């Protein structure tokens, strides 16, 4: 992975759209592990403030971390460094 795609110095994918971090194929047992404070009120995905997932810690483009990385939803696991979604998010945040 090129250094420019270091997720821990980016975080753009987790702060691009409140509509993106949706639950899809997670079993109930996996969803039960996510802290209630981080789940959207309609229970459809991760709770966001504006377009930023509340599970994201740090400053986008400088240093970030997912506070629930080990139990993050499938949609988060599927986003890969350098994939089309990653590139769109990086572009929206002006991260080259």
PDB file of N, CA and C in Angstrom:
ATOM      1  N   UNK A   1       0.853  -1.176   0.000  1.00  0.00           N
ATOM      2  CA  UNK A   1       0.000   0.000   0.000  1.00  0.00           C
ATOM      3  C   UNK A   1       0.893   1.231   0.000  1.00  0.00           C
ATOM      4  N   UNK A   2       0.685   2.151  -0.949  1.00  0.00           N
ATOM      5  CA  UNK A   2       1.486   3.377  -0.964  1.00  0.00           C
ATOM      6  C   UNK A   2       1.273   4.173   0.313  1.00  0.00           C
ATOM      7  N   UNK A   3       2.305   4.885   0.738  1.00  0.00           N
ATOM      8  CA  UNK A   3       2.215   5.673   1.966  1.00  0.00           C
ATOM      9  C   UNK A   3       1.062   6.672   1.901  1.00  0.00           C
ATOM     10  N   UNK A   4       0.734   7.186   0.709  1.00  0.00           N
ATOM     11  CA  UNK A   4      -0.328   8.180   0.571  1.00  0.00           C
ATOM     12  C   UNK A   4      -1.707   7.606   0.903  1.00  0.00           C
ATOM     13  N   UNK A   5      -1.819   6.283   1.032  1.00  0.00           N
ATOM     14  CA  UNK A   5      -3.086   5.667   1.373  1.00  0.00           C
ATOM     15  C   UNK A   5      -3.085   5.113   2.796  1.00  0.00           C
ATOM     16  N   UNK A   6      -2.346   5.725   3.684  1.00  0.00           N
ATOM     17  CA  UNK A   6      -2.311   5.326   5.087  1.00  0.00           C
ATOM     18  C   UNK A   6      -3.599   5.793   5.764  1.00  0.00           C
ATOM     19  N   UNK A   7      -4.475   4.861   6.074  1.00  0.00           N
ATOM     20  CA  UNK A   7      -5.779   5.195   6.657  1.00  0.00           C
ATOM     21  C   UNK A   7      -5.657   5.987   7.957  1.00  0.00           C
ATOM     22  N   UNK A   8      -4.646   5.713   8.751  1.00  0.00           N
ATOM     23  CA  UNK A   8      -4.513   6.391  10.039  1.00  0.00           C
ATOM     24  C   UNK A   8      -4.032   7.832   9.912  1.00  0.00           C
ATOM     25  N   UNK A   9      -3.651   8.240   8.705  1.00  0.00           N
ATOM     26  CA  UNK A   9      -3.341   9.654   8.509  1.00  0.00           C
ATOM     27  C   UNK A   9      -4.392  10.287   7.605  1.00  0.00           C
ATOM     28  N   UNK A  10      -5.489   9.588   7.373  1.00  0.00           N
ATOM     29  CA  UNK A  10      -6.520  10.083   6.459  1.00  0.00           C
ATOM     30  C   UNK A  10      -7.868  10.226   7.170  1.00  0.00           C
ATOM     31  N   UNK A  11      -8.670   9.162   7.169  1.00  0.00           N
ATOM     32  CA  UNK A  11      -9.992   9.195   7.801  1.00  0.00           C
ATOM     33  C   UNK A  11     -11.086   9.802   6.947  1.00  0.00           C
ATOM     34  N   UNK A  12     -10.776  10.144   5.700  1.00  0.00           N
ATOM     35  CA  UNK A  12     -11.758  10.794   4.836  1.00  0.00           C
ATOM     36  C   UNK A  12     -13.001   9.943   4.604  1.00  0.00           C
ATOM     37  N   UNK A  13     -12.819   8.631   4.462  1.00  0.00           N
ATOM     38  CA  UNK A  13     -13.964   7.758   4.176  1.00  0.00           C
ATOM     39  C   UNK A  13     -14.973   7.764   5.323  1.00  0.00           C
ATOM     40  N   UNK A  14     -14.516   8.050   6.517  1.00  0.00           N
ATOM     41  CA  UNK A  14     -15.391   8.044   7.700  1.00  0.00           C
ATOM     42  C   UNK A  14     -15.998   9.414   7.985  1.00  0.00           C
ATOM     43  N   UNK A  15     -15.729  10.367   7.113  1.00  0.00           N
ATOM     44  CA  UNK A  15     -16.254  11.715   7.335  1.00  0.00           C
ATOM     45  C   UNK A  15     -16.665  12.357   6.022  1.00  0.00           C
ATOM     46  N   UNK A  16     -17.376  11.578   5.216  1.00  0.00           N
ATOM     47  CA  UNK A  16     -17.784  12.066   3.898  1.00  0.00           C
ATOM     48  C   UNK A  16     -19.293  12.126   3.727  1.00  0.00           C
ATOM     49  N   UNK A  17     -20.022  11.185   4.328  1.00  0.00           N
ATOM     50  CA  UNK A  17     -21.472  11.159   4.148  1.00  0.00           C
ATOM     51  C   UNK A  17     -22.144  10.430   5.299  1.00  0.00           C
ATOM     52  N   UNK A  18     -23.141  11.062   5.878  1.00  0.00           N
ATOM     53  CA  UNK A  18     -23.906  10.423   6.951  1.00  0.00           C
ATOM     54  C   UNK A  18     -24.743   9.270   6.410  1.00  0.00           C
ATOM     55  N   UNK A  19     -24.910   9.208   5.099  1.00  0.00           N
ATOM     56  CA  UNK A  19     -25.677   8.129   4.478  1.00  0.00           C
ATOM     57  C   UNK A  19     -24.836   6.896   4.205  1.00  0.00           C
ATOM     58  N   UNK A  20     -23.517   7.007   4.330  1.00  0.00           N
ATOM     59  CA  UNK A  20     -22.643   5.911   3.935  1.00  0.00           C
ATOM     60  C   UNK A  20     -22.475   4.816   4.982  1.00  0.00           C
ATOM     61  N   UNK A  21     -22.262   5.127   6.239  1.00  0.00           N
ATOM     62  CA  UNK A  21     -21.972   4.008   7.165  1.00  0.00           C
ATOM     63  C   UNK A  21     -23.221   3.227   7.566  1.00  0.00           C
ATOM     64  N   UNK A  22     -23.861   2.578   6.591  1.00  0.00           N
ATOM     65  CA  UNK A  22     -25.103   1.832   6.822  1.00  0.00           C
ATOM     66  C   UNK A  22     -24.819   0.374   7.129  1.00  0.00           C
ATOM     67  N   UNK A  23     -25.640  -0.178   7.986  1.00  0.00           N
ATOM     68  CA  UNK A  23     -25.552  -1.604   8.280  1.00  0.00           C
ATOM     69  C   UNK A  23     -26.171  -2.355   7.106  1.00  0.00           C
ATOM     70  N   UNK A  24     -25.585  -3.476   6.755  1.00  0.00           N
ATOM     71  CA  UNK A  24     -26.104  -4.205   5.602  1.00  0.00           C
ATOM     72  C   UNK A  24     -26.287  -5.690   5.895  1.00  0.00           C
ATOM     73  N   UNK A  25     -25.205  -6.398   6.105  1.00  0.00           N
ATOM     74  CA  UNK A  25     -25.309  -7.853   6.277  1.00  0.00           C
ATOM     75  C   UNK A  25     -24.863  -8.330   7.650  1.00  0.00           C
ATOM     76  N   UNK A  26     -24.709  -7.413   8.592  1.00  0.00           N
ATOM     77  CA  UNK A  26     -24.265  -7.802   9.930  1.00  0.00           C
ATOM     78  C   UNK A  26     -25.337  -8.614  10.649  1.00  0.00           C
ATOM     79  N   UNK A  27     -24.927  -9.691  11.303  1.00  0.00           N
ATOM     80  CA  UNK A  27     -25.895 -10.404  12.151  1.00  0.00           C
ATOM     81  C   UNK A  27     -26.194  -9.573  13.400  1.00  0.00           C
ATOM     82  N   UNK A  28     -27.333  -9.809  14.001  1.00  0.00           N
ATOM     83  CA  UNK A  28     -27.724  -9.056  15.199  1.00  0.00           C
ATOM     84  C   UNK A  28     -26.663  -9.123  16.289  1.00  0.00           C
ATOM     85  N   UNK A  29     -26.005 -10.264  16.413  1.00  0.00           N
ATOM     86  CA  UNK A  29     -24.981 -10.432  17.452  1.00  0.00           C
ATOM     87  C   UNK A  29     -23.830  -9.435  17.252  1.00  0.00           C
ATOM     88  N   UNK A  30     -23.465  -9.185  15.997  1.00  0.00           N
ATOM     89  CA  UNK A  30     -22.383  -8.237  15.703  1.00  0.00           C
ATOM     90  C   UNK A  30     -22.842  -6.812  15.973  1.00  0.00           C
ATOM     91  N   UNK A  31     -24.072  -6.487  15.603  1.00  0.00           N
ATOM     92  CA  UNK A  31     -24.592  -5.140  15.830  1.00  0.00           C
ATOM     93  C   UNK A  31     -24.736  -4.840  17.314  1.00  0.00           C
ATOM     94  N   UNK A  32     -25.043  -5.857  18.096  1.00  0.00           N
ATOM     95  CA  UNK A  32     -25.188  -5.674  19.544  1.00  0.00           C
ATOM     96  C   UNK A  32     -23.876  -5.259  20.215  1.00  0.00           C
ATOM     97  N   UNK A  33     -22.742  -5.513  19.567  1.00  0.00           N
ATOM     98  CA  UNK A  33     -21.443  -5.147  20.125  1.00  0.00           C
ATOM     99  C   UNK A  33     -21.123  -3.660  19.964  1.00  0.00           C
ATOM    100  N   UNK A  34     -21.773  -3.010  19.012  1.00  0.00           N
ATOM    101  CA  UNK A  34     -21.519  -1.588  18.763  1.00  0.00           C
ATOM    102  C   UNK A  34     -22.216  -0.776  19.846  1.00  0.00           C
ATOM    103  N   UNK A  35     -21.474   0.108  20.529  1.00  0.00           N
ATOM    104  CA  UNK A  35     -22.092   0.913  21.588  1.00  0.00           C
ATOM    105  C   UNK A  35     -23.303   1.703  21.069  1.00  0.00           C
ATOM    106  N   UNK A  36     -24.365   1.676  21.838  1.00  0.00           N
ATOM    107  CA  UNK A  36     -25.616   2.329  21.447  1.00  0.00           C
ATOM    108  C   UNK A  36     -25.414   3.801  21.081  1.00  0.00           C
ATOM    109  N   UNK A  37     -24.528   4.486  21.766  1.00  0.00           N
ATOM    110  CA  UNK A  37     -24.283   5.903  21.499  1.00  0.00           C
ATOM    111  C   UNK A  37     -23.713   6.147  20.106  1.00  0.00           C
ATOM    112  N   UNK A  38     -23.188   5.092  19.468  1.00  0.00           N
ATOM    113  CA  UNK A  38     -22.602   5.232  18.131  1.00  0.00           C
ATOM    114  C   UNK A  38     -23.532   4.757  17.019  1.00  0.00           C
ATOM    115  N   UNK A  39     -24.741   4.322  17.373  1.00  0.00           N
ATOM    116  CA  UNK A  39     -25.704   3.820  16.393  1.00  0.00           C
ATOM    117  C   UNK A  39     -26.735   4.917  16.120  1.00  0.00           C
ATOM    118  N   UNK A  40     -27.068   5.095  14.830  1.00  0.00           N
ATOM    119  CA  UNK A  40     -28.038   6.124  14.458  1.00  0.00           C
ATOM    120  C   UNK A  40     -29.386   5.870  15.140  1.00  0.00           C
ATOM    121  N   UNK A  41     -30.143   6.916  15.311  1.00  0.00           N
ATOM    122  CA  UNK A  41     -31.418   6.805  16.014  1.00  0.00           C
ATOM    123  C   UNK A  41     -32.391   5.860  15.318  1.00  0.00           C
ATOM    124  N   UNK A  42     -32.300   5.766  13.979  1.00  0.00           N
ATOM    125  CA  UNK A  42     -33.195   4.852  13.269  1.00  0.00           C
ATOM    126  C   UNK A  42     -32.613   3.435  13.164  1.00  0.00           C
ATOM    127  N   UNK A  43     -31.472   3.199  13.809  1.00  0.00           N
ATOM    128  CA  UNK A  43     -30.800   1.899  13.892  1.00  0.00           C
ATOM    129  C   UNK A  43     -30.308   1.357  12.543  1.00  0.00           C
ATOM    130  N   UNK A  44     -30.199   2.227  11.540  1.00  0.00           N
ATOM    131  CA  UNK A  44     -29.813   1.768  10.201  1.00  0.00           C
ATOM    132  C   UNK A  44     -28.305   1.795   9.950  1.00  0.00           C
ATOM    133  N   UNK A  45     -27.568   2.453  10.820  1.00  0.00           N
ATOM    134  CA  UNK A  45     -26.124   2.560  10.606  1.00  0.00           C
ATOM    135  C   UNK A  45     -25.454   3.297  11.747  1.00  0.00           C
ATOM    136  N   UNK A  46     -24.245   3.728  11.470  1.00  0.00           N
ATOM    137  CA  UNK A  46     -23.477   4.447  12.474  1.00  0.00           C
ATOM    138  C   UNK A  46     -24.014   5.867  12.632  1.00  0.00           C
ATOM    139  N   UNK A  47     -23.960   6.376  13.839  1.00  0.00           N
ATOM    140  CA  UNK A  47     -24.389   7.739  14.110  1.00  0.00           C
ATOM    141  C   UNK A  47     -23.308   8.696  13.606  1.00  0.00           C
ATOM    142  N   UNK A  48     -23.747   9.749  12.973  1.00  0.00           N
ATOM    143  CA  UNK A  48     -22.822  10.747  12.435  1.00  0.00           C
ATOM    144  C   UNK A  48     -23.180  12.126  12.955  1.00  0.00           C
ATOM    145  N   UNK A  49     -22.194  12.974  13.018  1.00  0.00           N
ATOM    146  CA  UNK A  49     -22.402  14.392  13.287  1.00  0.00           C
ATOM    147  C   UNK A  49     -21.998  15.091  12.008  1.00  0.00           C
ATOM    148  N   UNK A  50     -22.974  15.723  11.372  1.00  0.00           N
ATOM    149  CA  UNK A  50     -22.812  16.218  10.010  1.00  0.00           C
ATOM    150  C   UNK A  50     -22.483  15.000   9.147  1.00  0.00           C
ATOM    151  N   UNK A  51     -21.347  14.948   8.511  1.00  0.00           N
ATOM    152  CA  UNK A  51     -20.998  13.802   7.669  1.00  0.00           C
ATOM    153  C   UNK A  51     -19.950  12.907   8.304  1.00  0.00           C
ATOM    154  N   UNK A  52     -19.624  13.134   9.548  1.00  0.00           N
ATOM    155  CA  UNK A  52     -18.542  12.397  10.210  1.00  0.00           C
ATOM    156  C   UNK A  52     -19.078  11.333  11.163  1.00  0.00           C
ATOM    157  N   UNK A  53     -18.592  10.118  11.004  1.00  0.00           N
ATOM    158  CA  UNK A  53     -18.967   9.021  11.888  1.00  0.00           C
ATOM    159  C   UNK A  53     -18.451   9.327  13.300  1.00  0.00           C
ATOM    160  N   UNK A  54     -19.298   9.135  14.293  1.00  0.00           N
ATOM    161  CA  UNK A  54     -18.902   9.431  15.669  1.00  0.00           C
ATOM    162  C   UNK A  54     -17.866   8.453  16.223  1.00  0.00           C
ATOM    163  N   UNK A  55     -17.655   7.341  15.534  1.00  0.00           N
ATOM    164  CA  UNK A  55     -16.629   6.397  15.980  1.00  0.00           C
ATOM    165  C   UNK A  55     -15.224   6.833  15.543  1.00  0.00           C
ATOM    166  N   UNK A  56     -15.140   7.850  14.692  1.00  0.00           N
ATOM    167  CA  UNK A  56     -13.840   8.318  14.213  1.00  0.00           C
ATOM    168  C   UNK A  56     -13.228   9.300  15.203  1.00  0.00           C
ATOM    169  N   UNK A  57     -12.014   9.004  15.628  1.00  0.00           N
ATOM    170  CA  UNK A  57     -11.269   9.899  16.529  1.00  0.00           C
ATOM    171  C   UNK A  57     -10.145  10.550  15.728  1.00  0.00           C
ATOM    172  N   UNK A  58      -9.788  11.769  16.104  1.00  0.00           N
ATOM    173  CA  UNK A  58      -8.661  12.438  15.474  1.00  0.00           C
ATOM    174  C   UNK A  58      -9.078  13.491  14.468  1.00  0.00           C
ATOM    175  N   UNK A  59      -8.097  13.928  13.695  1.00  0.00           N
ATOM    176  CA  UNK A  59      -8.283  14.991  12.711  1.00  0.00           C
ATOM    177  C   UNK A  59      -8.096  14.421  11.307  1.00  0.00           C
ATOM    178  N   UNK A  60      -9.124  14.553  10.490  1.00  0.00           N
ATOM    179  CA  UNK A  60      -9.077  14.042   9.120  1.00  0.00           C
ATOM    180  C   UNK A  60      -7.904  14.685   8.382  1.00  0.00           C
ATOM    181  N   UNK A  61      -7.151  13.842   7.708  1.00  0.00           N
ATOM    182  CA  UNK A  61      -6.010  14.303   6.931  1.00  0.00           C
ATOM    183  C   UNK A  61      -4.730  14.436   7.728  1.00  0.00           C
ATOM    184  N   UNK A  62      -4.821  14.231   9.042  1.00  0.00           N
ATOM    185  CA  UNK A  62      -3.634  14.346   9.891  1.00  0.00           C
ATOM    186  C   UNK A  62      -3.370  13.070  10.674  1.00  0.00           C
ATOM    187  N   UNK A  63      -4.353  12.637  11.417  1.00  0.00           N
ATOM    188  CA  UNK A  63      -4.210  11.424  12.217  1.00  0.00           C
ATOM    189  C   UNK A  63      -5.561  11.003  12.752  1.00  0.00           C
ATOM    190  N   UNK A  64      -5.992   9.794  12.388  1.00  0.00           N
ATOM    191  CA  UNK A  64      -7.310   9.323  12.799  1.00  0.00           C
ATOM    192  C   UNK A  64      -7.256   7.858  13.215  1.00  0.00           C
ATOM    193  N   UNK A  65      -8.315   7.436  13.879  1.00  0.00           N
ATOM    194  CA  UNK A  65      -8.460   6.031  14.253  1.00  0.00           C
ATOM    195  C   UNK A  65      -9.941   5.750  14.472  1.00  0.00           C
ATOM    196  N   UNK A  66     -10.343   4.546  14.145  1.00  0.00           N
ATOM    197  CA  UNK A  66     -11.700   4.092  14.424  1.00  0.00           C
ATOM    198  C   UNK A  66     -11.709   3.570  15.854  1.00  0.00           C
ATOM    199  N   UNK A  67     -12.595   4.111  16.667  1.00  0.00           N
ATOM    200  CA  UNK A  67     -12.642   3.710  18.073  1.00  0.00           C
ATOM    201  C   UNK A  67     -13.287   2.338  18.272  1.00  0.00           C
ATOM    202  N   UNK A  68     -13.901   1.803  17.215  1.00  0.00           N
ATOM    203  CA  UNK A  68     -14.503   0.464  17.291  1.00  0.00           C
ATOM    204  C   UNK A  68     -13.975  -0.423  16.163  1.00  0.00           C
ATOM    205  N   UNK A  69     -12.726  -0.233  15.796  1.00  0.00           N
ATOM    206  CA  UNK A  69     -12.138  -0.901  14.636  1.00  0.00           C
ATOM    207  C   UNK A  69     -12.414  -2.408  14.609  1.00  0.00           C
ATOM    208  N   UNK A  70     -12.237  -3.089  15.707  1.00  0.00           N
ATOM    209  CA  UNK A  70     -12.401  -4.546  15.735  1.00  0.00           C
ATOM    210  C   UNK A  70     -13.844  -4.988  15.495  1.00  0.00           C
ATOM    211  N   UNK A  71     -14.800  -4.112  15.764  1.00  0.00           N
ATOM    212  CA  UNK A  71     -16.218  -4.472  15.603  1.00  0.00           C
ATOM    213  C   UNK A  71     -16.926  -3.572  14.592  1.00  0.00           C
ATOM    214  N   UNK A  72     -16.162  -2.881  13.755  1.00  0.00           N
ATOM    215  CA  UNK A  72     -16.751  -1.953  12.779  1.00  0.00           C
ATOM    216  C   UNK A  72     -17.674  -2.699  11.814  1.00  0.00           C
ATOM    217  N   UNK A  73     -18.666  -1.988  11.238  1.00  0.00           N
ATOM    218  CA  UNK A  73     -19.623  -2.617  10.319  1.00  0.00           C
ATOM    219  C   UNK A  73     -18.965  -3.110   9.028  1.00  0.00           C
ATOM    220  N   UNK A  74     -19.683  -3.968   8.332  1.00  0.00           N
ATOM    221  CA  UNK A  74     -19.209  -4.544   7.075  1.00  0.00           C
ATOM    222  C   UNK A  74     -18.852  -3.460   6.065  1.00  0.00           C
ATOM    223  N   UNK A  75     -19.684  -2.437   5.930  1.00  0.00           N
ATOM    224  CA  UNK A  75     -19.419  -1.387   4.946  1.00  0.00           C
ATOM    225  C   UNK A  75     -18.063  -0.726   5.205  1.00  0.00           C
ATOM    226  N   UNK A  76     -17.681  -0.606   6.444  1.00  0.00           N
ATOM    227  CA  UNK A  76     -16.378  -0.020   6.790  1.00  0.00           C
ATOM    228  C   UNK A  76     -15.245  -0.986   6.439  1.00  0.00           C
ATOM    229  N   UNK A  77     -15.470  -2.249   6.652  1.00  0.00           N
ATOM    230  CA  UNK A  77     -14.463  -3.268   6.333  1.00  0.00           C
ATOM    231  C   UNK A  77     -14.231  -3.371   4.825  1.00  0.00           C
ATOM    232  N   UNK A  78     -15.283  -3.121   4.046  1.00  0.00           N
ATOM    233  CA  UNK A  78     -15.180  -3.270   2.602  1.00  0.00           C
ATOM    234  C   UNK A  78     -14.470  -2.105   1.926  1.00  0.00           C
ATOM    235  N   UNK A  79     -14.443  -0.947   2.547  1.00  0.00           N
ATOM    236  CA  UNK A  79     -13.738   0.201   1.983  1.00  0.00           C
ATOM    237  C   UNK A  79     -12.237  -0.060   2.095  1.00  0.00           C
ATOM    238  N   UNK A  80     -11.563  -0.042   0.975  1.00  0.00           N
ATOM    239  CA  UNK A  80     -10.136  -0.365   0.942  1.00  0.00           C
ATOM    240  C   UNK A  80      -9.314   0.836   0.485  1.00  0.00           C
ATOM    241  N   UNK A  81      -8.115   0.997   1.015  1.00  0.00           N
ATOM    242  CA  UNK A  81      -7.253   2.099   0.602  1.00  0.00           C
ATOM    243  C   UNK A  81      -7.040   2.098  -0.910  1.00  0.00           C
ATOM    244  N   UNK A  82      -7.340   3.240  -1.531  1.00  0.00           N
ATOM    245  CA  UNK A  82      -7.133   3.394  -2.963  1.00  0.00           C
ATOM    246  C   UNK A  82      -8.285   2.944  -3.832  1.00  0.00           C
ATOM    247  N   UNK A  83      -9.356   2.370  -3.232  1.00  0.00           N
ATOM    248  CA  UNK A  83     -10.489   1.962  -4.054  1.00  0.00           C
ATOM    249  C   UNK A  83     -11.301   3.201  -4.458  1.00  0.00           C
ATOM    250  N   UNK A  84     -12.273   3.063  -5.365  1.00  0.00           N
ATOM    251  CA  UNK A  84     -13.009   4.240  -5.845  1.00  0.00           C
ATOM    252  C   UNK A  84     -13.645   5.079  -4.728  1.00  0.00           C
ATOM    253  N   UNK A  85     -14.225   4.420  -3.725  1.00  0.00           N
ATOM    254  CA  UNK A  85     -14.844   5.160  -2.624  1.00  0.00           C
ATOM    255  C   UNK A  85     -13.796   5.954  -1.840  1.00  0.00           C
ATOM    256  N   UNK A  86     -12.651   5.334  -1.620  1.00  0.00           N
ATOM    257  CA  UNK A  86     -11.535   5.988  -0.929  1.00  0.00           C
ATOM    258  C   UNK A  86     -11.110   7.237  -1.699  1.00  0.00           C
ATOM    259  N   UNK A  87     -10.932   7.095  -2.990  1.00  0.00           N
ATOM    260  CA  UNK A  87     -10.465   8.218  -3.814  1.00  0.00           C
ATOM    261  C   UNK A  87     -11.471   9.360  -3.843  1.00  0.00           C
ATOM    262  N   UNK A  88     -12.768   9.024  -3.889  1.00  0.00           N
ATOM    263  CA  UNK A  88     -13.805  10.057  -3.853  1.00  0.00           C
ATOM    264  C   UNK A  88     -13.740  10.814  -2.525  1.00  0.00           C
ATOM    265  N   UNK A  89     -13.666  10.079  -1.422  1.00  0.00           N
ATOM    266  CA  UNK A  89     -13.622  10.696  -0.096  1.00  0.00           C
ATOM    267  C   UNK A  89     -12.388  11.576   0.057  1.00  0.00           C
ATOM    268  N   UNK A  90     -11.239  11.076  -0.364  1.00  0.00           N
ATOM    269  CA  UNK A  90     -10.002  11.846  -0.276  1.00  0.00           C
ATOM    270  C   UNK A  90     -10.109  13.135  -1.091  1.00  0.00           C
ATOM    271  N   UNK A  91     -10.682  13.036  -2.282  1.00  0.00           N
ATOM    272  CA  UNK A  91     -10.839  14.202  -3.139  1.00  0.00           C
ATOM    273  C   UNK A  91     -11.743  15.255  -2.472  1.00  0.00           C
ATOM    274  N   UNK A  92     -12.841  14.798  -1.868  1.00  0.00           N
ATOM    275  CA  UNK A  92     -13.752  15.725  -1.196  1.00  0.00           C
ATOM    276  C   UNK A  92     -13.085  16.471  -0.047  1.00  0.00           C
ATOM    277  N   UNK A  93     -12.096  15.855   0.555  1.00  0.00           N
ATOM    278  CA  UNK A  93     -11.378  16.474   1.672  1.00  0.00           C
ATOM    279  C   UNK A  93     -10.073  17.137   1.240  1.00  0.00           C
ATOM    280  N   UNK A  94      -9.778  17.086  -0.051  1.00  0.00           N
ATOM    281  CA  UNK A  94      -8.564  17.702  -0.556  1.00  0.00           C
ATOM    282  C   UNK A  94      -7.300  16.978  -0.146  1.00  0.00           C
ATOM    283  N   UNK A  95      -7.413  15.662   0.079  1.00  0.00           N
ATOM    284  CA  UNK A  95      -6.251  14.868   0.473  1.00  0.00           C
ATOM    285  C   UNK A  95      -5.711  14.190  -0.781  1.00  0.00           C
ATOM    286  N   UNK A  96      -4.464  14.457  -1.079  1.00  0.00           N
ATOM    287  CA  UNK A  96      -3.856  13.914  -2.303  1.00  0.00           C
ATOM    288  C   UNK A  96      -3.210  12.587  -2.076  1.00  0.00           C
TER     289      UNK A  96
END
